[in-house]
Amino acid sequence: MKDKWIKSGWIFFTVSSFIWILPFCVFWFIKSKILFSVSGTLLCLAGIGGIIFFAPWKFPDTRLWKLLIFPYSIFLLSVFLLVYDLTGFKNLKEILYGLWLIPCFTPFFTLGWRKWSFFAGEKEI
């Protein structure tokens, strides 16, 4: 039962890190920014696909930071797409607004060294 809740939490919280881009995709579509809309949709689908493919219970002996590299890279590309649309990267001051992303990387430091087998109750080697 505990394992079911851990898996559900993992899926819910990782998928929610990509769902936010879909309203922007709809907005871009309405504004006839088709390239942004399609790119955002593809990034969202790639992120969700990566979460499903790299689910840690499929690779119980792999460190979590290795499994998080793909979803985090897709997340960063999504953020850069949004920032590019909003600011166009016109000056460094606008790019520095992305510093709020730093707390998003805490799982790399807090959980990254662990393996799924740690959460499943198996002993860590």
N, C-alpha and C. Protein backbone atom coordinates (compact mmCIF):
# COMPACT_ATOMS: atom_id res chain seq x y z
N MET A 1 0.82 -1.20 0.00
CA MET A 1 0.00 0.00 0.00
C MET A 1 0.86 1.26 0.00
N LYS A 2 1.93 1.24 0.81
CA LYS A 2 2.82 2.39 0.89
C LYS A 2 3.47 2.66 -0.47
N ASP A 3 3.87 1.60 -1.16
CA ASP A 3 4.51 1.72 -2.46
C ASP A 3 3.58 2.37 -3.47
N LYS A 4 2.29 2.06 -3.40
CA LYS A 4 1.30 2.64 -4.31
C LYS A 4 1.23 4.16 -4.13
N TRP A 5 1.24 4.62 -2.89
CA TRP A 5 1.18 6.06 -2.63
C TRP A 5 2.45 6.77 -3.05
N ILE A 6 3.57 6.13 -2.87
CA ILE A 6 4.84 6.74 -3.29
C ILE A 6 4.87 6.88 -4.81
N LYS A 7 4.43 5.85 -5.52
CA LYS A 7 4.39 5.91 -6.98
C LYS A 7 3.41 6.98 -7.45
N SER A 8 2.23 7.04 -6.82
CA SER A 8 1.24 8.05 -7.19
C SER A 8 1.77 9.46 -6.96
N GLY A 9 2.44 9.66 -5.84
CA GLY A 9 3.02 10.97 -5.55
C GLY A 9 4.09 11.35 -6.54
N TRP A 10 4.94 10.39 -6.89
CA TRP A 10 6.00 10.65 -7.86
C TRP A 10 5.39 11.09 -9.20
N ILE A 11 4.42 10.33 -9.67
CA ILE A 11 3.78 10.65 -10.96
C ILE A 11 3.07 12.00 -10.88
N PHE A 12 2.29 12.22 -9.83
CA PHE A 12 1.53 13.47 -9.72
C PHE A 12 2.43 14.69 -9.70
N PHE A 13 3.44 14.67 -8.87
CA PHE A 13 4.28 15.86 -8.73
C PHE A 13 5.22 16.07 -9.92
N THR A 14 5.66 15.02 -10.55
CA THR A 14 6.51 15.21 -11.72
C THR A 14 5.70 15.62 -12.95
N VAL A 15 4.51 15.05 -13.11
CA VAL A 15 3.66 15.46 -14.24
C VAL A 15 3.20 16.90 -14.05
N SER A 16 2.94 17.30 -12.82
CA SER A 16 2.51 18.69 -12.59
C SER A 16 3.60 19.69 -12.94
N SER A 17 4.84 19.24 -13.01
CA SER A 17 5.90 20.16 -13.40
C SER A 17 5.89 20.43 -14.91
N PHE A 18 5.04 19.73 -15.66
CA PHE A 18 4.94 19.96 -17.10
C PHE A 18 3.57 20.46 -17.53
N ILE A 19 2.56 20.22 -16.76
CA ILE A 19 1.20 20.60 -17.15
C ILE A 19 1.05 22.12 -17.25
N TRP A 20 1.84 22.87 -16.51
CA TRP A 20 1.73 24.33 -16.51
C TRP A 20 1.95 24.94 -17.89
N ILE A 21 2.67 24.24 -18.75
CA ILE A 21 2.98 24.82 -20.07
C ILE A 21 1.77 24.77 -21.01
N LEU A 22 0.82 23.86 -20.77
CA LEU A 22 -0.32 23.72 -21.69
C LEU A 22 -1.20 24.98 -21.80
N PRO A 23 -1.51 25.68 -20.70
CA PRO A 23 -2.27 26.93 -20.88
C PRO A 23 -1.53 27.96 -21.74
N PHE A 24 -0.21 28.00 -21.61
CA PHE A 24 0.56 28.90 -22.46
C PHE A 24 0.48 28.47 -23.93
N CYS A 25 0.46 27.16 -24.16
CA CYS A 25 0.33 26.66 -25.53
C CYS A 25 -1.00 27.08 -26.15
N VAL A 26 -2.06 27.01 -25.36
CA VAL A 26 -3.38 27.46 -25.84
C VAL A 26 -3.35 28.95 -26.12
N PHE A 27 -2.74 29.72 -25.22
CA PHE A 27 -2.62 31.16 -25.42
C PHE A 27 -1.83 31.47 -26.68
N TRP A 28 -0.71 30.78 -26.88
CA TRP A 28 0.10 31.01 -28.08
C TRP A 28 -0.67 30.63 -29.34
N PHE A 29 -1.46 29.57 -29.26
CA PHE A 29 -2.26 29.16 -30.42
C PHE A 29 -3.28 30.24 -30.77
N ILE A 30 -3.92 30.79 -29.74
CA ILE A 30 -4.91 31.86 -29.96
C ILE A 30 -4.24 33.09 -30.55
N LYS A 31 -3.02 33.38 -30.12
CA LYS A 31 -2.28 34.54 -30.61
C LYS A 31 -1.56 34.25 -31.93
N SER A 32 -1.82 33.11 -32.53
CA SER A 32 -1.23 32.68 -33.81
C SER A 32 0.28 32.50 -33.74
N LYS A 33 0.79 32.16 -32.57
CA LYS A 33 2.19 31.80 -32.42
C LYS A 33 2.28 30.28 -32.45
N ILE A 34 2.06 29.76 -33.63
CA ILE A 34 1.94 28.31 -33.81
C ILE A 34 3.22 27.59 -33.44
N LEU A 35 4.37 28.16 -33.79
CA LEU A 35 5.64 27.52 -33.47
C LEU A 35 5.82 27.36 -31.96
N PHE A 36 5.49 28.41 -31.20
CA PHE A 36 5.58 28.32 -29.75
C PHE A 36 4.58 27.31 -29.20
N SER A 37 3.37 27.33 -29.75
CA SER A 37 2.33 26.41 -29.29
C SER A 37 2.71 24.95 -29.52
N VAL A 38 3.17 24.66 -30.70
CA VAL A 38 3.56 23.29 -31.03
C VAL A 38 4.79 22.88 -30.22
N SER A 39 5.77 23.79 -30.11
CA SER A 39 6.98 23.48 -29.34
C SER A 39 6.65 23.20 -27.88
N GLY A 40 5.80 24.03 -27.29
CA GLY A 40 5.41 23.82 -25.90
C GLY A 40 4.65 22.52 -25.70
N THR A 41 3.76 22.21 -26.62
CA THR A 41 3.01 20.95 -26.53
C THR A 41 3.94 19.75 -26.64
N LEU A 42 4.87 19.82 -27.59
CA LEU A 42 5.82 18.71 -27.74
C LEU A 42 6.73 18.57 -26.52
N LEU A 43 7.14 19.68 -25.95
CA LEU A 43 7.96 19.61 -24.73
C LEU A 43 7.17 19.00 -23.58
N CYS A 44 5.91 19.38 -23.46
CA CYS A 44 5.06 18.82 -22.40
C CYS A 44 4.89 17.32 -22.60
N LEU A 45 4.62 16.90 -23.82
CA LEU A 45 4.46 15.47 -24.08
C LEU A 45 5.77 14.71 -23.88
N ALA A 46 6.88 15.31 -24.29
CA ALA A 46 8.18 14.67 -24.08
C ALA A 46 8.48 14.54 -22.59
N GLY A 47 8.14 15.57 -21.83
CA GLY A 47 8.37 15.51 -20.38
C GLY A 47 7.55 14.42 -19.71
N ILE A 48 6.28 14.35 -20.06
CA ILE A 48 5.42 13.32 -19.47
C ILE A 48 5.86 11.93 -19.94
N GLY A 49 6.23 11.81 -21.20
CA GLY A 49 6.75 10.53 -21.70
C GLY A 49 8.03 10.12 -20.99
N GLY A 50 8.90 11.10 -20.75
CA GLY A 50 10.14 10.82 -20.03
C GLY A 50 9.89 10.39 -18.60
N ILE A 51 8.90 10.99 -17.97
CA ILE A 51 8.55 10.61 -16.60
C ILE A 51 8.07 9.17 -16.56
N ILE A 52 7.24 8.82 -17.53
CA ILE A 52 6.72 7.45 -17.57
C ILE A 52 7.84 6.46 -17.92
N PHE A 53 8.69 6.82 -18.89
CA PHE A 53 9.76 5.91 -19.30
C PHE A 53 10.82 5.76 -18.21
N PHE A 54 11.20 6.87 -17.58
CA PHE A 54 12.25 6.84 -16.57
C PHE A 54 11.70 6.71 -15.15
N ALA A 55 10.54 6.10 -15.00
CA ALA A 55 9.97 5.91 -13.67
C ALA A 55 10.96 5.13 -12.81
N PRO A 56 11.25 5.60 -11.61
CA PRO A 56 12.31 4.98 -10.82
C PRO A 56 12.04 3.54 -10.41
N TRP A 57 10.79 3.12 -10.33
CA TRP A 57 10.52 1.73 -9.96
C TRP A 57 10.83 0.78 -11.11
N LYS A 58 11.02 1.31 -12.32
CA LYS A 58 11.47 0.48 -13.43
C LYS A 58 12.98 0.26 -13.40
N PHE A 59 13.67 1.16 -12.71
CA PHE A 59 15.13 1.10 -12.58
C PHE A 59 15.49 1.22 -11.10
N PRO A 60 15.14 0.23 -10.27
CA PRO A 60 15.28 0.38 -8.82
C PRO A 60 16.72 0.52 -8.33
N ASP A 61 17.69 0.12 -9.12
CA ASP A 61 19.08 0.20 -8.67
C ASP A 61 19.85 1.35 -9.30
N THR A 62 19.15 2.28 -9.93
CA THR A 62 19.78 3.45 -10.54
C THR A 62 19.58 4.65 -9.61
N ARG A 63 20.61 5.45 -9.45
CA ARG A 63 20.49 6.66 -8.64
C ARG A 63 19.43 7.59 -9.23
N LEU A 64 18.65 8.22 -8.37
CA LEU A 64 17.56 9.06 -8.83
C LEU A 64 18.03 10.26 -9.64
N TRP A 65 19.20 10.79 -9.34
CA TRP A 65 19.66 11.95 -10.09
C TRP A 65 19.84 11.61 -11.56
N LYS A 66 20.23 10.38 -11.86
CA LYS A 66 20.39 9.98 -13.26
C LYS A 66 19.03 9.91 -13.96
N LEU A 67 18.01 9.48 -13.23
CA LEU A 67 16.68 9.37 -13.80
C LEU A 67 16.01 10.74 -13.94
N LEU A 68 16.47 11.72 -13.18
CA LEU A 68 15.88 13.05 -13.22
C LEU A 68 16.49 13.95 -14.29
N ILE A 69 17.58 13.55 -14.89
CA ILE A 69 18.26 14.41 -15.86
C ILE A 69 17.35 14.74 -17.05
N PHE A 70 16.71 13.73 -17.63
CA PHE A 70 15.85 13.99 -18.80
C PHE A 70 14.66 14.88 -18.45
N PRO A 71 13.86 14.55 -17.42
CA PRO A 71 12.74 15.45 -17.11
C PRO A 71 13.17 16.87 -16.76
N TYR A 72 14.28 17.01 -16.05
CA TYR A 72 14.73 18.36 -15.73
C TYR A 72 15.19 19.12 -16.96
N SER A 73 15.81 18.46 -17.89
CA SER A 73 16.25 19.16 -19.10
C SER A 73 15.04 19.61 -19.93
N ILE A 74 14.02 18.79 -20.00
CA ILE A 74 12.80 19.19 -20.71
C ILE A 74 12.11 20.33 -19.98
N PHE A 75 12.09 20.28 -18.65
CA PHE A 75 11.52 21.36 -17.85
C PHE A 75 12.24 22.67 -18.13
N LEU A 76 13.57 22.64 -18.14
CA LEU A 76 14.34 23.86 -18.42
C LEU A 76 14.08 24.39 -19.82
N LEU A 77 13.98 23.50 -20.79
CA LEU A 77 13.65 23.96 -22.14
C LEU A 77 12.28 24.62 -22.19
N SER A 78 11.33 24.10 -21.42
CA SER A 78 10.00 24.71 -21.36
C SER A 78 10.07 26.10 -20.75
N VAL A 79 10.84 26.24 -19.69
CA VAL A 79 10.99 27.54 -19.04
C VAL A 79 11.68 28.52 -19.98
N PHE A 80 12.73 28.07 -20.67
CA PHE A 80 13.41 28.96 -21.60
C PHE A 80 12.49 29.38 -22.76
N LEU A 81 11.62 28.48 -23.20
CA LEU A 81 10.66 28.82 -24.24
C LEU A 81 9.74 29.93 -23.75
N LEU A 82 9.24 29.81 -22.54
CA LEU A 82 8.35 30.82 -21.98
C LEU A 82 9.09 32.14 -21.79
N VAL A 83 10.28 32.10 -21.22
CA VAL A 83 11.04 33.33 -20.99
C VAL A 83 11.40 33.99 -22.31
N TYR A 84 11.73 33.20 -23.31
CA TYR A 84 12.03 33.78 -24.62
C TYR A 84 10.82 34.48 -25.21
N ASP A 85 9.65 33.87 -25.06
CA ASP A 85 8.44 34.51 -25.59
C ASP A 85 8.12 35.79 -24.82
N LEU A 86 8.29 35.76 -23.53
CA LEU A 86 7.93 36.93 -22.72
C LEU A 86 8.94 38.07 -22.82
N THR A 87 10.23 37.74 -22.86
CA THR A 87 11.25 38.79 -22.81
C THR A 87 12.10 38.88 -24.06
N GLY A 88 12.24 37.78 -24.78
CA GLY A 88 13.11 37.77 -25.95
C GLY A 88 14.58 37.78 -25.59
N PHE A 89 14.90 37.58 -24.32
CA PHE A 89 16.29 37.62 -23.84
C PHE A 89 16.99 38.91 -24.28
N LYS A 90 16.29 40.05 -24.13
CA LYS A 90 16.84 41.30 -24.61
C LYS A 90 18.00 41.82 -23.77
N ASN A 91 17.96 41.55 -22.48
CA ASN A 91 19.09 41.98 -21.66
C ASN A 91 19.28 41.01 -20.50
N LEU A 92 20.42 41.09 -19.89
CA LEU A 92 20.79 40.15 -18.83
C LEU A 92 19.87 40.26 -17.63
N LYS A 93 19.36 41.44 -17.33
CA LYS A 93 18.49 41.63 -16.18
C LYS A 93 17.24 40.74 -16.29
N GLU A 94 16.68 40.65 -17.48
CA GLU A 94 15.49 39.83 -17.66
C GLU A 94 15.80 38.35 -17.54
N ILE A 95 16.97 37.95 -17.97
CA ILE A 95 17.36 36.54 -17.88
C ILE A 95 17.57 36.15 -16.42
N LEU A 96 18.03 37.08 -15.59
CA LEU A 96 18.27 36.78 -14.18
C LEU A 96 16.99 36.51 -13.41
N TYR A 97 15.84 36.82 -13.99
CA TYR A 97 14.58 36.46 -13.32
C TYR A 97 14.45 34.95 -13.20
N GLY A 98 15.22 34.22 -13.95
CA GLY A 98 15.19 32.76 -13.89
C GLY A 98 15.85 32.18 -12.65
N LEU A 99 16.38 33.03 -11.78
CA LEU A 99 17.01 32.53 -10.56
C LEU A 99 16.02 31.81 -9.64
N TRP A 100 14.73 32.05 -9.82
CA TRP A 100 13.73 31.35 -9.01
C TRP A 100 13.75 29.85 -9.30
N LEU A 101 14.41 29.44 -10.37
CA LEU A 101 14.50 28.02 -10.70
C LEU A 101 15.43 27.25 -9.77
N ILE A 102 16.32 27.94 -9.10
CA ILE A 102 17.29 27.24 -8.25
C ILE A 102 16.63 26.31 -7.23
N PRO A 103 15.58 26.73 -6.52
CA PRO A 103 14.94 25.78 -5.58
C PRO A 103 14.33 24.56 -6.25
N CYS A 104 14.03 24.65 -7.54
CA CYS A 104 13.46 23.51 -8.26
C CYS A 104 14.43 22.34 -8.34
N PHE A 105 15.70 22.61 -8.12
CA PHE A 105 16.71 21.57 -8.25
C PHE A 105 17.06 20.90 -6.92
N THR A 106 16.33 21.19 -5.87
CA THR A 106 16.64 20.57 -4.58
C THR A 106 16.53 19.05 -4.59
N PRO A 107 15.65 18.41 -5.40
CA PRO A 107 15.65 16.94 -5.41
C PRO A 107 16.98 16.33 -5.83
N PHE A 108 17.74 17.03 -6.66
CA PHE A 108 19.06 16.52 -7.02
C PHE A 108 19.94 16.37 -5.80
N PHE A 109 19.83 17.32 -4.87
CA PHE A 109 20.70 17.33 -3.70
C PHE A 109 20.13 16.57 -2.52
N THR A 110 18.80 16.53 -2.41
CA THR A 110 18.19 15.87 -1.25
C THR A 110 17.90 14.39 -1.49
N LEU A 111 17.49 14.05 -2.69
CA LEU A 111 17.13 12.66 -3.01
C LEU A 111 18.00 12.02 -4.06
N GLY A 112 18.76 12.81 -4.76
CA GLY A 112 19.47 12.34 -5.94
C GLY A 112 20.40 11.16 -5.73
N TRP A 113 21.02 11.05 -4.58
CA TRP A 113 21.97 9.97 -4.34
C TRP A 113 21.27 8.66 -4.01
N ARG A 114 19.99 8.72 -3.67
CA ARG A 114 19.25 7.51 -3.31
C ARG A 114 18.78 6.75 -4.54
N LYS A 115 18.36 5.52 -4.29
CA LYS A 115 17.80 4.66 -5.33
C LYS A 115 16.36 4.36 -4.96
N TRP A 116 15.59 3.88 -5.93
CA TRP A 116 14.20 3.54 -5.65
C TRP A 116 14.12 2.42 -4.62
N SER A 117 15.09 1.55 -4.63
CA SER A 117 15.08 0.45 -3.67
C SER A 117 15.11 0.97 -2.23
N PHE A 118 15.65 2.16 -2.01
CA PHE A 118 15.65 2.78 -0.68
C PHE A 118 14.22 3.06 -0.23
N PHE A 119 13.37 3.56 -1.15
CA PHE A 119 11.99 3.88 -0.81
C PHE A 119 11.11 2.64 -0.76
N ALA A 120 11.50 1.60 -1.46
CA ALA A 120 10.73 0.37 -1.46
C ALA A 120 11.00 -0.47 -0.23
N GLY A 121 11.91 -0.02 0.62
CA GLY A 121 12.18 -0.72 1.86
C GLY A 121 13.34 -1.69 1.79
N GLU A 122 14.00 -1.77 0.65
CA GLU A 122 15.17 -2.63 0.55
C GLU A 122 16.37 -1.91 1.11
N LYS A 123 17.35 -2.64 1.52
CA LYS A 123 18.54 -2.04 2.10
C LYS A 123 19.39 -1.37 1.02
N GLU A 124 19.92 -0.22 1.37
CA GLU A 124 20.83 0.52 0.48
C GLU A 124 22.24 -0.04 0.62
N ILE A 125 22.88 -0.23 -0.49
CA ILE A 125 24.25 -0.77 -0.46
C ILE A 125 25.23 0.37 -0.43
